Amino acid sequence: MTAETAIALIIFLFPLAYSPGPGNMFFAANGARFGLASTLPASAGYHVATVIVTALIGLGFARAADLSPALFTVVKYAGSAYVLWLALKLMRAGRLDHAAEARPAGFVDGAVLLLLNPKAYVIIAAMFTQFIPAGASGAVTLVLAISVLFTFNNLVAFTAWTALGDRISARFRDAGEARRLNVIFGAMLALVAVWMLLS
């Protein structure tokens, strides 16, 4: 991958990676509730899944999905339901200090979020149509380079959103503020779930 291609790819991905979406809202909410360090397992799960799925799509596995449009529909509905479930769970959460059952998302939660995120599949497919020329030589190497850069860009974006959530985590010391912030983040996740369903 040339430096020009890498810069063009980052510019292409910037508004997609940093705009509110399932991943950003999920990590912002978890950052606010549990802190930046506690989100690392979920972030690892999400980004390990990202690099694998991105590479597979880039290497041609998207053609299998083309043969079964129903598969994308299943992912769309399952992803929307999963994000909505996360939203409702967050809205019902109380004060962090008194919620013994509360736990930060783990590695599997992060991986599932990526696997059930139809927005991710659309972005990945669009990215490869723009940055892999038909019949390009060394396509495997290029696909892997794009997959790594795409994943790293997402990692930076999600870490920024998590840090933003973490900055307001001090407000969770007050039970009323904790409830209010949980409802706000939960409502934002619920809106993302509806957007996923309708898009």
Protein backbone atom coordinates (compact mmCIF):
# COMPACT_ATOMS: atom_id res chain seq x y z
CA MET A 1 0.00 0.00 0.00
CA THR A 2 1.36 3.40 -0.98
CA ALA A 3 1.34 6.38 1.38
CA GLU A 4 -1.17 8.09 -0.93
CA THR A 5 -3.54 5.11 -0.72
CA ALA A 6 -3.21 4.99 3.06
CA ILE A 7 -4.01 8.71 3.38
CA ALA A 8 -6.96 8.40 1.00
CA LEU A 9 -8.27 5.42 2.99
CA ILE A 10 -8.04 7.29 6.30
CA ILE A 11 -9.88 10.29 4.79
CA PHE A 12 -12.53 7.92 3.41
CA LEU A 13 -12.96 6.22 6.80
CA PHE A 14 -12.77 9.30 9.04
CA PRO A 15 -16.46 10.34 8.99
CA LEU A 16 -17.56 6.70 9.13
CA ALA A 17 -15.34 5.74 12.07
CA TYR A 18 -15.87 8.82 14.23
CA SER A 19 -19.60 9.38 13.71
CA PRO A 20 -22.03 7.88 16.25
CA GLY A 21 -22.68 4.23 15.53
CA PRO A 22 -23.15 0.94 17.41
CA GLY A 23 -19.46 0.59 18.29
CA ASN A 24 -18.86 4.20 19.28
CA MET A 25 -21.97 4.44 21.45
CA PHE A 26 -21.28 1.04 23.04
CA PHE A 27 -17.73 2.01 24.02
CA ALA A 28 -18.68 5.53 25.14
CA ALA A 29 -21.35 4.08 27.42
CA ASN A 30 -19.00 1.46 28.85
CA GLY A 31 -16.26 4.06 29.29
CA ALA A 32 -18.63 6.28 31.25
CA ARG A 33 -19.86 3.44 33.40
CA PHE A 34 -16.69 1.47 34.03
CA GLY A 35 -13.73 3.57 32.89
CA LEU A 36 -11.29 3.32 30.00
CA ALA A 37 -9.19 0.44 31.35
CA SER A 38 -12.22 -1.79 31.94
CA THR A 39 -13.24 -1.57 28.27
CA LEU A 40 -9.96 -3.06 27.02
CA PRO A 41 -11.20 -6.70 26.86
CA ALA A 42 -14.29 -5.68 24.85
CA SER A 43 -12.14 -3.49 22.61
CA ALA A 44 -9.77 -6.40 22.01
CA GLY A 45 -12.71 -8.66 21.08
CA TYR A 46 -14.20 -6.10 18.73
CA HIS A 47 -10.95 -5.38 16.93
CA VAL A 48 -9.74 -8.98 16.66
CA ALA A 49 -13.12 -9.76 15.06
CA THR A 50 -12.78 -6.66 12.87
CA VAL A 51 -9.44 -7.57 11.34
CA ILE A 52 -10.55 -11.17 10.69
CA VAL A 53 -13.94 -10.25 9.16
CA THR A 54 -12.41 -7.43 7.10
CA ALA A 55 -9.72 -9.70 5.68
CA LEU A 56 -12.27 -12.43 4.86
CA ILE A 57 -14.56 -9.99 3.06
CA GLY A 58 -11.62 -8.51 1.19
CA LEU A 59 -10.48 -11.96 0.10
CA GLY A 60 -13.83 -12.68 -1.52
CA PHE A 61 -16.07 -14.13 1.12
CA ALA A 62 -18.57 -11.35 0.44
CA ARG A 63 -19.59 -13.34 -2.65
CA ALA A 64 -21.03 -16.00 -0.33
CA ALA A 65 -23.27 -13.36 1.24
CA ASP A 66 -24.36 -12.24 -2.24
CA LEU A 67 -25.64 -15.75 -2.85
CA SER A 68 -27.78 -15.51 0.28
CA PRO A 69 -29.28 -12.03 0.79
CA ALA A 70 -31.28 -13.50 3.66
CA LEU A 71 -28.04 -13.78 5.62
CA PHE A 72 -27.59 -10.01 5.62
CA THR A 73 -31.21 -9.59 6.73
CA VAL A 74 -30.64 -11.97 9.64
CA VAL A 75 -27.52 -10.05 10.69
CA LYS A 76 -29.43 -6.77 10.40
CA TYR A 77 -32.28 -7.90 12.66
CA ALA A 78 -30.04 -9.77 15.11
CA GLY A 79 -27.68 -6.80 15.35
CA SER A 80 -30.52 -4.35 15.95
CA ALA A 81 -31.99 -6.62 18.62
CA TYR A 82 -28.61 -7.03 20.32
CA VAL A 83 -27.91 -3.28 20.41
CA LEU A 84 -31.45 -2.63 21.66
CA TRP A 85 -30.93 -5.23 24.40
CA LEU A 86 -27.68 -3.47 25.40
CA ALA A 87 -29.55 -0.13 25.42
CA LEU A 88 -32.36 -1.41 27.66
CA LYS A 89 -29.85 -3.04 29.99
CA LEU A 90 -27.97 0.24 30.29
CA MET A 91 -31.11 2.33 30.85
CA ARG A 92 -32.15 0.04 33.72
CA ALA A 93 -28.70 0.18 35.35
CA GLY A 94 -28.41 2.07 38.60
CA ARG A 95 -25.54 3.64 40.44
CA LEU A 96 -22.23 1.89 39.77
CA ASP A 97 -21.27 1.70 43.47
CA HIS A 98 -24.46 -0.14 44.39
CA ALA A 99 -24.76 -2.41 41.36
CA ALA A 100 -22.96 -5.56 42.45
CA GLU A 101 -24.17 -7.37 39.37
CA ALA A 102 -22.76 -4.70 37.04
CA ARG A 103 -19.75 -5.75 35.02
CA PRO A 104 -17.94 -4.25 32.08
CA ALA A 105 -18.35 -5.84 28.67
CA GLY A 106 -15.86 -8.59 27.89
CA PHE A 107 -13.97 -9.94 24.90
CA VAL A 108 -16.94 -11.97 23.62
CA ASP A 109 -19.30 -8.99 23.95
CA GLY A 110 -17.00 -6.91 21.77
CA ALA A 111 -16.65 -9.66 19.15
CA VAL A 112 -20.43 -10.24 19.02
CA LEU A 113 -21.04 -6.51 18.60
CA LEU A 114 -18.86 -6.49 15.47
CA LEU A 115 -20.30 -9.73 14.07
CA LEU A 116 -23.87 -8.43 14.42
CA ASN A 117 -23.14 -4.93 13.12
CA PRO A 118 -24.51 -4.62 9.56
CA LYS A 119 -23.03 -1.09 9.28
CA ALA A 120 -19.57 -2.64 9.55
CA TYR A 121 -20.22 -5.05 6.65
CA VAL A 122 -21.52 -2.26 4.42
CA ILE A 123 -18.53 -0.02 5.20
CA ILE A 124 -16.04 -2.86 4.64
CA ALA A 125 -17.58 -3.84 1.31
CA ALA A 126 -17.68 -0.20 0.14
CA MET A 127 -14.09 0.30 1.24
CA PHE A 128 -12.83 -2.64 -0.81
CA THR A 129 -14.73 -1.57 -3.91
CA GLN A 130 -12.94 1.78 -3.67
CA PHE A 131 -9.44 0.65 -2.75
CA ILE A 132 -8.93 -2.73 -4.45
CA PRO A 133 -8.65 -2.28 -8.22
CA ALA A 134 -10.07 -5.12 -10.30
CA GLY A 135 -7.36 -7.65 -11.07
CA ALA A 136 -4.84 -5.89 -8.83
CA SER A 137 -1.58 -7.73 -8.44
CA GLY A 138 -0.60 -8.58 -4.87
CA ALA A 139 -4.24 -8.25 -3.84
CA VAL A 140 -3.81 -10.50 -0.79
CA THR A 141 -1.10 -8.25 0.62
CA LEU A 142 -3.16 -5.16 -0.15
CA VAL A 143 -6.27 -6.68 1.48
CA LEU A 144 -4.30 -7.48 4.63
CA ALA A 145 -2.77 -3.99 4.73
CA ILE A 146 -6.19 -2.37 4.30
CA SER A 147 -7.67 -4.67 6.97
CA VAL A 148 -4.99 -3.70 9.49
CA LEU A 149 -5.30 0.04 8.73
CA PHE A 150 -9.11 -0.14 8.91
CA THR A 151 -8.93 -1.92 12.27
CA PHE A 152 -6.34 0.50 13.67
CA ASN A 153 -8.45 3.48 12.57
CA ASN A 154 -11.48 2.00 14.35
CA LEU A 155 -9.38 1.35 17.46
CA VAL A 156 -8.34 5.02 17.60
CA ALA A 157 -11.94 6.20 17.08
CA PHE A 158 -13.41 3.86 19.68
CA THR A 159 -10.69 4.71 22.19
CA ALA A 160 -11.49 8.40 21.73
CA TRP A 161 -15.19 7.75 22.35
CA THR A 162 -14.36 5.56 25.36
CA ALA A 163 -12.09 8.27 26.80
CA LEU A 164 -14.89 10.80 26.33
CA GLY A 165 -17.22 8.54 28.29
CA ASP A 166 -14.55 7.98 30.93
CA ARG A 167 -14.18 11.76 31.40
CA ILE A 168 -17.75 12.00 32.64
CA SER A 169 -17.57 8.85 34.78
CA ALA A 170 -17.06 10.91 37.94
CA ARG A 171 -20.72 11.88 37.70
CA PHE A 172 -21.63 8.29 38.51
CA ARG A 173 -20.77 8.98 42.15
CA ASP A 174 -24.21 10.55 42.48
CA ALA A 175 -27.09 8.10 42.10
CA GLY A 176 -29.36 10.59 40.32
CA GLU A 177 -26.68 11.57 37.82
CA ALA A 178 -25.81 7.92 37.26
CA ARG A 179 -29.40 7.12 36.38
CA ARG A 180 -29.61 10.15 34.08
CA LEU A 181 -26.41 9.27 32.22
CA ASN A 182 -27.43 5.63 31.89
CA VAL A 183 -30.74 6.71 30.33
CA ILE A 184 -29.00 9.15 27.97
CA PHE A 185 -26.47 6.58 26.73
CA GLY A 186 -29.13 3.88 26.63
CA ALA A 187 -31.41 6.10 24.55
CA MET A 188 -28.56 6.87 22.16
CA LEU A 189 -27.89 3.14 21.74
CA ALA A 190 -31.61 2.52 21.21
CA LEU A 191 -31.66 5.15 18.43
CA VAL A 192 -28.66 3.43 16.84
CA ALA A 193 -30.56 0.11 17.00
CA VAL A 194 -33.53 1.68 15.21
CA TRP A 195 -31.21 3.24 12.60
CA MET A 196 -29.58 -0.18 12.03
CA LEU A 197 -33.01 -1.73 11.54
CA LEU A 198 -34.23 0.90 9.08
CA SER A 199 -31.03 1.40 7.06
